[in-house]
Amino acid sequence: MILIKVSRKGSLITDLEISGHAGYSVRGSDIVCASVSAIAQTALAGIDEIAKIQDSYKFEKAGKITLSLPCDISREQRNKAEIILETMMLGLHEVEAQFGQFVKIECN
């Protein structure tokens, strides 16, 4: 199962962890893993390239992505990051709605 942990400060996403494998199909042809990965990696690219927030995420051991937004970013960066991350969450919730036995989202 893919576990997505989201931490918020108020309504703002501050931290994110995605870990595990869906187990929907064999590795390399698992559409659930591919969907979550594509959504997350696109959002992380947006954090880097559009919001201009570098070094906020990392790809750890296979299947694990972590993000922690720094406290010292500008209001403009925070606003852009919020839009990007909330859009990512829309996509991840859609995957969870369709493949709930393979993806779980936990919000703190």
PDB file of N, CA and C in Angstrom:
ATOM      1  N   MET A   1       0.831  -1.180   0.000  1.00  0.00           N
ATOM      2  CA  MET A   1       0.000   0.000   0.000  1.00  0.00           C
ATOM      3  C   MET A   1       0.878   1.247   0.000  1.00  0.00           C
ATOM      4  N   ILE A   2       0.422   2.268  -0.713  1.00  0.00           N
ATOM      5  CA  ILE A   2       1.082   3.570  -0.693  1.00  0.00           C
ATOM      6  C   ILE A   2       0.437   4.384   0.418  1.00  0.00           C
ATOM      7  N   LEU A   3       1.263   4.923   1.300  1.00  0.00           N
ATOM      8  CA  LEU A   3       0.787   5.765   2.392  1.00  0.00           C
ATOM      9  C   LEU A   3       1.270   7.186   2.139  1.00  0.00           C
ATOM     10  N   ILE A   4       0.335   8.112   2.149  1.00  0.00           N
ATOM     11  CA  ILE A   4       0.635   9.527   1.935  1.00  0.00           C
ATOM     12  C   ILE A   4       0.279  10.263   3.220  1.00  0.00           C
ATOM     13  N   LYS A   5       1.301  10.817   3.886  1.00  0.00           N
ATOM     14  CA  LYS A   5       1.099  11.555   5.135  1.00  0.00           C
ATOM     15  C   LYS A   5       1.284  13.035   4.850  1.00  0.00           C
ATOM     16  N   VAL A   6       0.275  13.814   5.220  1.00  0.00           N
ATOM     17  CA  VAL A   6       0.293  15.248   4.970  1.00  0.00           C
ATOM     18  C   VAL A   6       0.173  15.976   6.300  1.00  0.00           C
ATOM     19  N   SER A   7       1.082  16.915   6.544  1.00  0.00           N
ATOM     20  CA  SER A   7       1.016  17.754   7.739  1.00  0.00           C
ATOM     21  C   SER A   7       0.728  19.183   7.312  1.00  0.00           C
ATOM     22  N   ARG A   8      -0.125  19.818   8.079  1.00  0.00           N
ATOM     23  CA  ARG A   8      -0.515  21.195   7.786  1.00  0.00           C
ATOM     24  C   ARG A   8      -0.272  22.088   8.993  1.00  0.00           C
ATOM     25  N   LYS A   9      -0.018  23.339   8.702  1.00  0.00           N
ATOM     26  CA  LYS A   9      -0.006  24.382   9.722  1.00  0.00           C
ATOM     27  C   LYS A   9      -1.151  25.299   9.330  1.00  0.00           C
ATOM     28  N   GLY A  10      -2.232  25.201  10.068  1.00  0.00           N
ATOM     29  CA  GLY A  10      -3.457  25.859   9.629  1.00  0.00           C
ATOM     30  C   GLY A  10      -3.954  25.129   8.397  1.00  0.00           C
ATOM     31  N   SER A  11      -4.168  25.862   7.336  1.00  0.00           N
ATOM     32  CA  SER A  11      -4.624  25.226   6.098  1.00  0.00           C
ATOM     33  C   SER A  11      -3.472  24.924   5.137  1.00  0.00           C
ATOM     34  N   LEU A  12      -2.263  25.359   5.476  1.00  0.00           N
ATOM     35  CA  LEU A  12      -1.127  25.214   4.568  1.00  0.00           C
ATOM     36  C   LEU A  12      -0.411  23.877   4.752  1.00  0.00           C
ATOM     37  N   ILE A  13      -0.148  23.197   3.667  1.00  0.00           N
ATOM     38  CA  ILE A  13       0.652  21.975   3.709  1.00  0.00           C
ATOM     39  C   ILE A  13       2.096  22.373   3.986  1.00  0.00           C
ATOM     40  N   THR A  14       2.678  21.780   5.025  1.00  0.00           N
ATOM     41  CA  THR A  14       4.065  22.082   5.367  1.00  0.00           C
ATOM     42  C   THR A  14       4.987  20.896   5.143  1.00  0.00           C
ATOM     43  N   ASP A  15       4.461  19.688   5.319  1.00  0.00           N
ATOM     44  CA  ASP A  15       5.264  18.477   5.174  1.00  0.00           C
ATOM     45  C   ASP A  15       4.447  17.396   4.486  1.00  0.00           C
ATOM     46  N   LEU A  16       5.168  16.554   3.756  1.00  0.00           N
ATOM     47  CA  LEU A  16       4.535  15.477   3.007  1.00  0.00           C
ATOM     48  C   LEU A  16       5.488  14.297   2.981  1.00  0.00           C
ATOM     49  N   GLU A  17       4.935  13.110   3.139  1.00  0.00           N
ATOM     50  CA  GLU A  17       5.726  11.889   2.983  1.00  0.00           C
ATOM     51  C   GLU A  17       4.893  10.890   2.186  1.00  0.00           C
ATOM     52  N   ILE A  18       5.475  10.363   1.140  1.00  0.00           N
ATOM     53  CA  ILE A  18       4.840   9.323   0.338  1.00  0.00           C
ATOM     54  C   ILE A  18       5.748   8.114   0.391  1.00  0.00           C
ATOM     55  N   SER A  19       5.192   6.980   0.812  1.00  0.00           N
ATOM     56  CA  SER A  19       6.021   5.784   0.940  1.00  0.00           C
ATOM     57  C   SER A  19       5.224   4.541   0.566  1.00  0.00           C
ATOM     58  N   GLY A  20       5.957   3.502   0.253  1.00  0.00           N
ATOM     59  CA  GLY A  20       5.354   2.213  -0.043  1.00  0.00           C
ATOM     60  C   GLY A  20       5.126   1.977  -1.523  1.00  0.00           C
ATOM     61  N   HIS A  21       4.578   0.830  -1.795  1.00  0.00           N
ATOM     62  CA  HIS A  21       4.220   0.443  -3.165  1.00  0.00           C
ATOM     63  C   HIS A  21       2.786  -0.043  -3.160  1.00  0.00           C
ATOM     64  N   ALA A  22       2.062   0.251  -4.202  1.00  0.00           N
ATOM     65  CA  ALA A  22       0.638  -0.076  -4.249  1.00  0.00           C
ATOM     66  C   ALA A  22       0.383  -1.579  -4.227  1.00  0.00           C
ATOM     67  N   GLY A  23       1.150  -2.318  -4.990  1.00  0.00           N
ATOM     68  CA  GLY A  23       0.878  -3.747  -5.097  1.00  0.00           C
ATOM     69  C   GLY A  23      -0.317  -4.042  -5.985  1.00  0.00           C
ATOM     70  N   TYR A  24      -0.697  -3.087  -6.810  1.00  0.00           N
ATOM     71  CA  TYR A  24      -1.810  -3.277  -7.745  1.00  0.00           C
ATOM     72  C   TYR A  24      -1.422  -4.246  -8.850  1.00  0.00           C
ATOM     73  N   SER A  25      -0.161  -4.152  -9.270  1.00  0.00           N
ATOM     74  CA  SER A  25       0.377  -5.017 -10.318  1.00  0.00           C
ATOM     75  C   SER A  25       1.873  -5.174 -10.050  1.00  0.00           C
ATOM     76  N   VAL A  26       2.538  -5.917 -10.900  1.00  0.00           N
ATOM     77  CA  VAL A  26       3.973  -6.121 -10.724  1.00  0.00           C
ATOM     78  C   VAL A  26       4.709  -4.806 -10.921  1.00  0.00           C
ATOM     79  N   ARG A  27       5.842  -4.677 -10.243  1.00  0.00           N
ATOM     80  CA  ARG A  27       6.664  -3.477 -10.347  1.00  0.00           C
ATOM     81  C   ARG A  27       7.011  -3.230 -11.811  1.00  0.00           C
ATOM     82  N   GLY A  28       6.869  -1.988 -12.220  1.00  0.00           N
ATOM     83  CA  GLY A  28       7.150  -1.627 -13.604  1.00  0.00           C
ATOM     84  C   GLY A  28       5.894  -1.518 -14.449  1.00  0.00           C
ATOM     85  N   SER A  29       4.785  -2.114 -13.994  1.00  0.00           N
ATOM     86  CA  SER A  29       3.529  -1.996 -14.741  1.00  0.00           C
ATOM     87  C   SER A  29       2.361  -1.673 -13.800  1.00  0.00           C
ATOM     88  N   ASP A  30       2.671  -1.130 -12.638  1.00  0.00           N
ATOM     89  CA  ASP A  30       1.661  -0.808 -11.632  1.00  0.00           C
ATOM     90  C   ASP A  30       1.145   0.604 -11.897  1.00  0.00           C
ATOM     91  N   ILE A  31      -0.088   0.706 -12.421  1.00  0.00           N
ATOM     92  CA  ILE A  31      -0.629   2.015 -12.784  1.00  0.00           C
ATOM     93  C   ILE A  31      -0.928   2.887 -11.566  1.00  0.00           C
ATOM     94  N   VAL A  32      -1.177   2.273 -10.423  1.00  0.00           N
ATOM     95  CA  VAL A  32      -1.436   3.060  -9.216  1.00  0.00           C
ATOM     96  C   VAL A  32      -0.140   3.730  -8.749  1.00  0.00           C
ATOM     97  N   CYS A  33       0.937   2.961  -8.672  1.00  0.00           N
ATOM     98  CA  CYS A  33       2.244   3.544  -8.318  1.00  0.00           C
ATOM     99  C   CYS A  33       2.636   4.627  -9.328  1.00  0.00           C
ATOM    100  N   ALA A  34       2.439   4.332 -10.588  1.00  0.00           N
ATOM    101  CA  ALA A  34       2.800   5.290 -11.632  1.00  0.00           C
ATOM    102  C   ALA A  34       1.990   6.579 -11.505  1.00  0.00           C
ATOM    103  N   SER A  35       0.712   6.451 -11.183  1.00  0.00           N
ATOM    104  CA  SER A  35      -0.139   7.641 -11.036  1.00  0.00           C
ATOM    105  C   SER A  35       0.315   8.512  -9.876  1.00  0.00           C
ATOM    106  N   VAL A  36       0.511   7.894  -8.718  1.00  0.00           N
ATOM    107  CA  VAL A  36       0.950   8.649  -7.539  1.00  0.00           C
ATOM    108  C   VAL A  36       2.311   9.281  -7.799  1.00  0.00           C
ATOM    109  N   SER A  37       3.212   8.524  -8.387  1.00  0.00           N
ATOM    110  CA  SER A  37       4.551   9.029  -8.672  1.00  0.00           C
ATOM    111  C   SER A  37       4.514  10.211  -9.637  1.00  0.00           C
ATOM    112  N   ALA A  38       3.740  10.096 -10.697  1.00  0.00           N
ATOM    113  CA  ALA A  38       3.660  11.176 -11.687  1.00  0.00           C
ATOM    114  C   ALA A  38       3.067  12.443 -11.084  1.00  0.00           C
ATOM    115  N   ILE A  39       2.006  12.291 -10.300  1.00  0.00           N
ATOM    116  CA  ILE A  39       1.385  13.453  -9.658  1.00  0.00           C
ATOM    117  C   ILE A  39       2.375  14.118  -8.706  1.00  0.00           C
ATOM    118  N   ALA A  40       3.017  13.321  -7.861  1.00  0.00           N
ATOM    119  CA  ALA A  40       3.950  13.871  -6.867  1.00  0.00           C
ATOM    120  C   ALA A  40       5.164  14.506  -7.527  1.00  0.00           C
ATOM    121  N   GLN A  41       5.759  13.827  -8.497  1.00  0.00           N
ATOM    122  CA  GLN A  41       6.962  14.368  -9.129  1.00  0.00           C
ATOM    123  C   GLN A  41       6.671  15.640  -9.913  1.00  0.00           C
ATOM    124  N   THR A  42       5.493  15.739 -10.511  1.00  0.00           N
ATOM    125  CA  THR A  42       5.112  16.966 -11.211  1.00  0.00           C
ATOM    126  C   THR A  42       4.978  18.121 -10.215  1.00  0.00           C
ATOM    127  N   ALA A  43       4.352  17.852  -9.074  1.00  0.00           N
ATOM    128  CA  ALA A  43       4.211  18.893  -8.045  1.00  0.00           C
ATOM    129  C   ALA A  43       5.572  19.317  -7.505  1.00  0.00           C
ATOM    130  N   LEU A  44       6.453  18.358  -7.275  1.00  0.00           N
ATOM    131  CA  LEU A  44       7.785  18.700  -6.761  1.00  0.00           C
ATOM    132  C   LEU A  44       8.574  19.516  -7.777  1.00  0.00           C
ATOM    133  N   ALA A  45       8.415  19.207  -9.049  1.00  0.00           N
ATOM    134  CA  ALA A  45       9.063  20.017 -10.088  1.00  0.00           C
ATOM    135  C   ALA A  45       8.511  21.440 -10.056  1.00  0.00           C
ATOM    136  N   GLY A  46       7.212  21.573  -9.820  1.00  0.00           N
ATOM    137  CA  GLY A  46       6.598  22.898  -9.701  1.00  0.00           C
ATOM    138  C   GLY A  46       7.115  23.668  -8.499  1.00  0.00           C
ATOM    139  N   ILE A  47       7.306  22.975  -7.385  1.00  0.00           N
ATOM    140  CA  ILE A  47       7.866  23.617  -6.185  1.00  0.00           C
ATOM    141  C   ILE A  47       9.255  24.164  -6.502  1.00  0.00           C
ATOM    142  N   ASP A  48      10.027  23.377  -7.226  1.00  0.00           N
ATOM    143  CA  ASP A  48      11.393  23.753  -7.578  1.00  0.00           C
ATOM    144  C   ASP A  48      11.427  24.848  -8.644  1.00  0.00           C
ATOM    145  N   GLU A  49      10.713  24.647  -9.735  1.00  0.00           N
ATOM    146  CA  GLU A  49      10.826  25.525 -10.908  1.00  0.00           C
ATOM    147  C   GLU A  49       9.898  26.735 -10.886  1.00  0.00           C
ATOM    148  N   ILE A  50       8.695  26.594 -10.346  1.00  0.00           N
ATOM    149  CA  ILE A  50       7.726  27.697 -10.366  1.00  0.00           C
ATOM    150  C   ILE A  50       7.773  28.496  -9.069  1.00  0.00           C
ATOM    151  N   ALA A  51       7.739  27.794  -7.930  1.00  0.00           N
ATOM    152  CA  ALA A  51       7.791  28.488  -6.640  1.00  0.00           C
ATOM    153  C   ALA A  51       9.223  28.871  -6.264  1.00  0.00           C
ATOM    154  N   LYS A  52      10.195  28.309  -6.979  1.00  0.00           N
ATOM    155  CA  LYS A  52      11.618  28.612  -6.732  1.00  0.00           C
ATOM    156  C   LYS A  52      12.049  28.282  -5.306  1.00  0.00           C
ATOM    157  N   ILE A  53      11.551  27.140  -4.808  1.00  0.00           N
ATOM    158  CA  ILE A  53      11.938  26.658  -3.485  1.00  0.00           C
ATOM    159  C   ILE A  53      12.816  25.432  -3.709  1.00  0.00           C
ATOM    160  N   GLN A  54      14.106  25.605  -3.520  1.00  0.00           N
ATOM    161  CA  GLN A  54      15.050  24.518  -3.746  1.00  0.00           C
ATOM    162  C   GLN A  54      15.310  23.742  -2.455  1.00  0.00           C
ATOM    163  N   ASP A  55      15.735  22.493  -2.643  1.00  0.00           N
ATOM    164  CA  ASP A  55      16.145  21.618  -1.539  1.00  0.00           C
ATOM    165  C   ASP A  55      15.051  21.373  -0.503  1.00  0.00           C
ATOM    166  N   SER A  56      13.789  21.382  -0.917  1.00  0.00           N
ATOM    167  CA  SER A  56      12.696  21.152   0.031  1.00  0.00           C
ATOM    168  C   SER A  56      12.218  19.704   0.022  1.00  0.00           C
ATOM    169  N   TYR A  57      12.663  18.930  -0.952  1.00  0.00           N
ATOM    170  CA  TYR A  57      12.214  17.544  -1.040  1.00  0.00           C
ATOM    171  C   TYR A  57      13.383  16.626  -1.353  1.00  0.00           C
ATOM    172  N   LYS A  58      13.157  15.352  -1.085  1.00  0.00           N
ATOM    173  CA  LYS A  58      14.171  14.364  -1.452  1.00  0.00           C
ATOM    174  C   LYS A  58      13.500  13.031  -1.747  1.00  0.00           C
ATOM    175  N   PHE A  59      14.167  12.308  -2.616  1.00  0.00           N
ATOM    176  CA  PHE A  59      13.769  10.951  -2.938  1.00  0.00           C
ATOM    177  C   PHE A  59      14.670  10.048  -2.110  1.00  0.00           C
ATOM    178  N   GLU A  60      14.078   9.317  -1.206  1.00  0.00           N
ATOM    179  CA  GLU A  60      14.854   8.446  -0.346  1.00  0.00           C
ATOM    180  C   GLU A  60      14.857   7.047  -0.952  1.00  0.00           C
ATOM    181  N   LYS A  61      14.942   6.038  -0.103  1.00  0.00           N
ATOM    182  CA  LYS A  61      14.968   4.672  -0.625  1.00  0.00           C
ATOM    183  C   LYS A  61      13.781   4.465  -1.553  1.00  0.00           C
ATOM    184  N   ALA A  62      13.868   3.459  -2.383  1.00  0.00           N
ATOM    185  CA  ALA A  62      12.856   3.215  -3.414  1.00  0.00           C
ATOM    186  C   ALA A  62      11.445   3.355  -2.851  1.00  0.00           C
ATOM    187  N   GLY A  63      10.680   4.200  -3.490  1.00  0.00           N
ATOM    188  CA  GLY A  63       9.290   4.342  -3.104  1.00  0.00           C
ATOM    189  C   GLY A  63       9.004   5.370  -2.034  1.00  0.00           C
ATOM    190  N   LYS A  64       9.972   6.178  -1.634  1.00  0.00           N
ATOM    191  CA  LYS A  64       9.733   7.166  -0.576  1.00  0.00           C
ATOM    192  C   LYS A  64      10.152   8.560  -1.034  1.00  0.00           C
ATOM    193  N   ILE A  65       9.225   9.491  -0.868  1.00  0.00           N
ATOM    194  CA  ILE A  65       9.456  10.896  -1.197  1.00  0.00           C
ATOM    195  C   ILE A  65       9.077  11.704   0.040  1.00  0.00           C
ATOM    196  N   THR A  66       9.919  12.655   0.413  1.00  0.00           N
ATOM    197  CA  THR A  66       9.583  13.545   1.521  1.00  0.00           C
ATOM    198  C   THR A  66       9.726  14.995   1.073  1.00  0.00           C
ATOM    199  N   LEU A  67       8.869  15.832   1.623  1.00  0.00           N
ATOM    200  CA  LEU A  67       8.889  17.265   1.353  1.00  0.00           C
ATOM    201  C   LEU A  67       8.705  17.984   2.683  1.00  0.00           C
ATOM    202  N   SER A  68       9.493  19.009   2.888  1.00  0.00           N
ATOM    203  CA  SER A  68       9.334  19.876   4.050  1.00  0.00           C
ATOM    204  C   SER A  68       9.592  21.307   3.589  1.00  0.00           C
ATOM    205  N   LEU A  69       8.545  22.115   3.590  1.00  0.00           N
ATOM    206  CA  LEU A  69       8.724  23.495   3.147  1.00  0.00           C
ATOM    207  C   LEU A  69       9.457  24.290   4.216  1.00  0.00           C
ATOM    208  N   PRO A  70      10.466  25.044   3.819  1.00  0.00           N
ATOM    209  CA  PRO A  70      11.205  25.873   4.778  1.00  0.00           C
ATOM    210  C   PRO A  70      10.303  26.982   5.338  1.00  0.00           C
ATOM    211  N   CYS A  71      10.602  27.433   6.522  1.00  0.00           N
ATOM    212  CA  CYS A  71       9.833  28.509   7.161  1.00  0.00           C
ATOM    213  C   CYS A  71      10.196  29.889   6.599  1.00  0.00           C
ATOM    214  N   ASP A  72      11.392  29.985   6.021  1.00  0.00           N
ATOM    215  CA  ASP A  72      11.900  31.299   5.622  1.00  0.00           C
ATOM    216  C   ASP A  72      11.663  31.627   4.141  1.00  0.00           C
ATOM    217  N   ILE A  73      10.582  31.123   3.569  1.00  0.00           N
ATOM    218  CA  ILE A  73      10.282  31.450   2.171  1.00  0.00           C
ATOM    219  C   ILE A  73       9.380  32.686   2.127  1.00  0.00           C
ATOM    220  N   SER A  74       9.390  33.337   0.994  1.00  0.00           N
ATOM    221  CA  SER A  74       8.600  34.563   0.845  1.00  0.00           C
ATOM    222  C   SER A  74       7.107  34.230   0.752  1.00  0.00           C
ATOM    223  N   ARG A  75       6.307  35.254   0.916  1.00  0.00           N
ATOM    224  CA  ARG A  75       4.845  35.090   0.787  1.00  0.00           C
ATOM    225  C   ARG A  75       4.493  34.600  -0.617  1.00  0.00           C
ATOM    226  N   GLU A  76       5.165  35.156  -1.624  1.00  0.00           N
ATOM    227  CA  GLU A  76       4.900  34.737  -3.007  1.00  0.00           C
ATOM    228  C   GLU A  76       5.244  33.262  -3.201  1.00  0.00           C
ATOM    229  N   GLN A  77       6.379  32.832  -2.681  1.00  0.00           N
ATOM    230  CA  GLN A  77       6.757  31.417  -2.786  1.00  0.00           C
ATOM    231  C   GLN A  77       5.744  30.530  -2.062  1.00  0.00           C
ATOM    232  N   ARG A  78       5.319  30.957  -0.872  1.00  0.00           N
ATOM    233  CA  ARG A  78       4.353  30.171  -0.107  1.00  0.00           C
ATOM    234  C   ARG A  78       3.026  30.066  -0.864  1.00  0.00           C
ATOM    235  N   ASN A  79       2.570  31.170  -1.455  1.00  0.00           N
ATOM    236  CA  ASN A  79       1.317  31.153  -2.214  1.00  0.00           C
ATOM    237  C   ASN A  79       1.403  30.209  -3.413  1.00  0.00           C
ATOM    238  N   LYS A  80       2.519  30.272  -4.125  1.00  0.00           N
ATOM    239  CA  LYS A  80       2.692  29.374  -5.268  1.00  0.00           C
ATOM    240  C   LYS A  80       2.765  27.922  -4.816  1.00  0.00           C
ATOM    241  N   ALA A  81       3.506  27.677  -3.749  1.00  0.00           N
ATOM    242  CA  ALA A  81       3.625  26.308  -3.230  1.00  0.00           C
ATOM    243  C   ALA A  81       2.265  25.779  -2.797  1.00  0.00           C
ATOM    244  N   GLU A  82       1.465  26.623  -2.168  1.00  0.00           N
ATOM    245  CA  GLU A  82       0.141  26.197  -1.713  1.00  0.00           C
ATOM    246  C   GLU A  82      -0.728  25.760  -2.889  1.00  0.00           C
ATOM    247  N   ILE A  83      -0.730  26.536  -3.950  1.00  0.00           N
ATOM    248  CA  ILE A  83      -1.525  26.184  -5.134  1.00  0.00           C
ATOM    249  C   ILE A  83      -1.031  24.867  -5.733  1.00  0.00           C
ATOM    250  N   ILE A  84       0.275  24.731  -5.858  1.00  0.00           N
ATOM    251  CA  ILE A  84       0.855  23.513  -6.426  1.00  0.00           C
ATOM    252  C   ILE A  84       0.510  22.299  -5.563  1.00  0.00           C
ATOM    253  N   LEU A  85       0.704  22.413  -4.261  1.00  0.00           N
ATOM    254  CA  LEU A  85       0.480  21.272  -3.371  1.00  0.00           C
ATOM    255  C   LEU A  85      -0.992  20.926  -3.229  1.00  0.00           C
ATOM    256  N   GLU A  86      -1.860  21.906  -3.211  1.00  0.00           N
ATOM    257  CA  GLU A  86      -3.299  21.614  -3.141  1.00  0.00           C
ATOM    258  C   GLU A  86      -3.784  20.959  -4.434  1.00  0.00           C
ATOM    259  N   THR A  87      -3.229  21.376  -5.559  1.00  0.00           N
ATOM    260  CA  THR A  87      -3.563  20.725  -6.827  1.00  0.00           C
ATOM    261  C   THR A  87      -3.067  19.287  -6.823  1.00  0.00           C
ATOM    262  N   MET A  88      -1.856  19.061  -6.303  1.00  0.00           N
ATOM    263  CA  MET A  88      -1.343  17.699  -6.159  1.00  0.00           C
ATOM    264  C   MET A  88      -2.295  16.861  -5.312  1.00  0.00           C
ATOM    265  N   MET A  89      -2.775  17.435  -4.201  1.00  0.00           N
ATOM    266  CA  MET A  89      -3.672  16.693  -3.321  1.00  0.00           C
ATOM    267  C   MET A  89      -4.982  16.339  -4.016  1.00  0.00           C
ATOM    268  N   LEU A  90      -5.479  17.212  -4.877  1.00  0.00           N
ATOM    269  CA  LEU A  90      -6.678  16.873  -5.656  1.00  0.00           C
ATOM    270  C   LEU A  90      -6.447  15.605  -6.467  1.00  0.00           C
ATOM    271  N   GLY A  91      -5.316  15.546  -7.142  1.00  0.00           N
ATOM    272  CA  GLY A  91      -4.989  14.357  -7.936  1.00  0.00           C
ATOM    273  C   GLY A  91      -4.818  13.116  -7.079  1.00  0.00           C
ATOM    274  N   LEU A  92      -4.124  13.257  -5.948  1.00  0.00           N
ATOM    275  CA  LEU A  92      -3.901  12.108  -5.070  1.00  0.00           C
ATOM    276  C   LEU A  92      -5.212  11.611  -4.464  1.00  0.00           C
ATOM    277  N   HIS A  93      -6.114  12.524  -4.119  1.00  0.00           N
ATOM    278  CA  HIS A  93      -7.425  12.109  -3.601  1.00  0.00           C
ATOM    279  C   HIS A  93      -8.231  11.361  -4.667  1.00  0.00           C
ATOM    280  N   GLU A  94      -8.085  11.762  -5.921  1.00  0.00           N
ATOM    281  CA  GLU A  94      -8.766  11.043  -7.005  1.00  0.00           C
ATOM    282  C   GLU A  94      -8.239   9.614  -7.133  1.00  0.00           C
ATOM    283  N   VAL A  95      -6.929   9.462  -7.030  1.00  0.00           N
ATOM    284  CA  VAL A  95      -6.341   8.117  -7.081  1.00  0.00           C
ATOM    285  C   VAL A  95      -6.831   7.300  -5.892  1.00  0.00           C
ATOM    286  N   GLU A  96      -6.856   7.915  -4.712  1.00  0.00           N
ATOM    287  CA  GLU A  96      -7.336   7.205  -3.519  1.00  0.00           C
ATOM    288  C   GLU A  96      -8.806   6.805  -3.682  1.00  0.00           C
ATOM    289  N   ALA A  97      -9.615   7.674  -4.266  1.00  0.00           N
ATOM    290  CA  ALA A  97     -11.041   7.370  -4.455  1.00  0.00           C
ATOM    291  C   ALA A  97     -11.236   6.173  -5.382  1.00  0.00           C
ATOM    292  N   GLN A  98     -10.384   6.053  -6.385  1.00  0.00           N
ATOM    293  CA  GLN A  98     -10.517   4.956  -7.350  1.00  0.00           C
ATOM    294  C   GLN A  98      -9.817   3.679  -6.912  1.00  0.00           C
ATOM    295  N   PHE A  99      -8.752   3.817  -6.144  1.00  0.00           N
ATOM    296  CA  PHE A  99      -7.927   2.661  -5.764  1.00  0.00           C
ATOM    297  C   PHE A  99      -7.650   2.670  -4.259  1.00  0.00           C
ATOM    298  N   GLY A 100      -8.702   2.846  -3.462  1.00  0.00           N
ATOM    299  CA  GLY A 100      -8.577   3.007  -2.024  1.00  0.00           C
ATOM    300  C   GLY A 100      -7.915   1.854  -1.290  1.00  0.00           C
ATOM    301  N   GLN A 101      -7.982   0.669  -1.840  1.00  0.00           N
ATOM    302  CA  GLN A 101      -7.329  -0.448  -1.154  1.00  0.00           C
ATOM    303  C   GLN A 101      -5.818  -0.446  -1.386  1.00  0.00           C
ATOM    304  N   PHE A 102      -5.335   0.438  -2.269  1.00  0.00           N
ATOM    305  CA  PHE A 102      -3.909   0.504  -2.587  1.00  0.00           C
ATOM    306  C   PHE A 102      -3.244   1.814  -2.178  1.00  0.00           C
ATOM    307  N   VAL A 103      -4.065   2.838  -1.858  1.00  0.00           N
ATOM    308  CA  VAL A 103      -3.551   4.173  -1.512  1.00  0.00           C
ATOM    309  C   VAL A 103      -4.328   4.698  -0.318  1.00  0.00           C
ATOM    310  N   LYS A 104      -3.602   5.218   0.665  1.00  0.00           N
ATOM    311  CA  LYS A 104      -4.244   5.818   1.839  1.00  0.00           C
ATOM    312  C   LYS A 104      -3.603   7.162   2.112  1.00  0.00           C
ATOM    313  N   ILE A 105      -4.448   8.173   2.312  1.00  0.00           N
ATOM    314  CA  ILE A 105      -3.973   9.513   2.640  1.00  0.00           C
ATOM    315  C   ILE A 105      -4.338   9.808   4.089  1.00  0.00           C
ATOM    316  N   GLU A 106      -3.322  10.221   4.859  1.00  0.00           N
ATOM    317  CA  GLU A 106      -3.514  10.623   6.258  1.00  0.00           C
ATOM    318  C   GLU A 106      -3.148  12.090   6.388  1.00  0.00           C
ATOM    319  N   CYS A 107      -4.051  12.879   6.935  1.00  0.00           N
ATOM    320  CA  CYS A 107      -3.782  14.301   7.156  1.00  0.00           C
ATOM    321  C   CYS A 107      -3.710  14.579   8.648  1.00  0.00           C
ATOM    322  N   ASN A 108      -2.677  15.296   9.038  1.00  0.00           N
ATOM    323  CA  ASN A 108      -2.511  15.683  10.451  1.00  0.00           C
ATOM    324  C   ASN A 108      -2.925  17.125  10.628  1.00  0.00           C
TER     325      ASN A 108
END
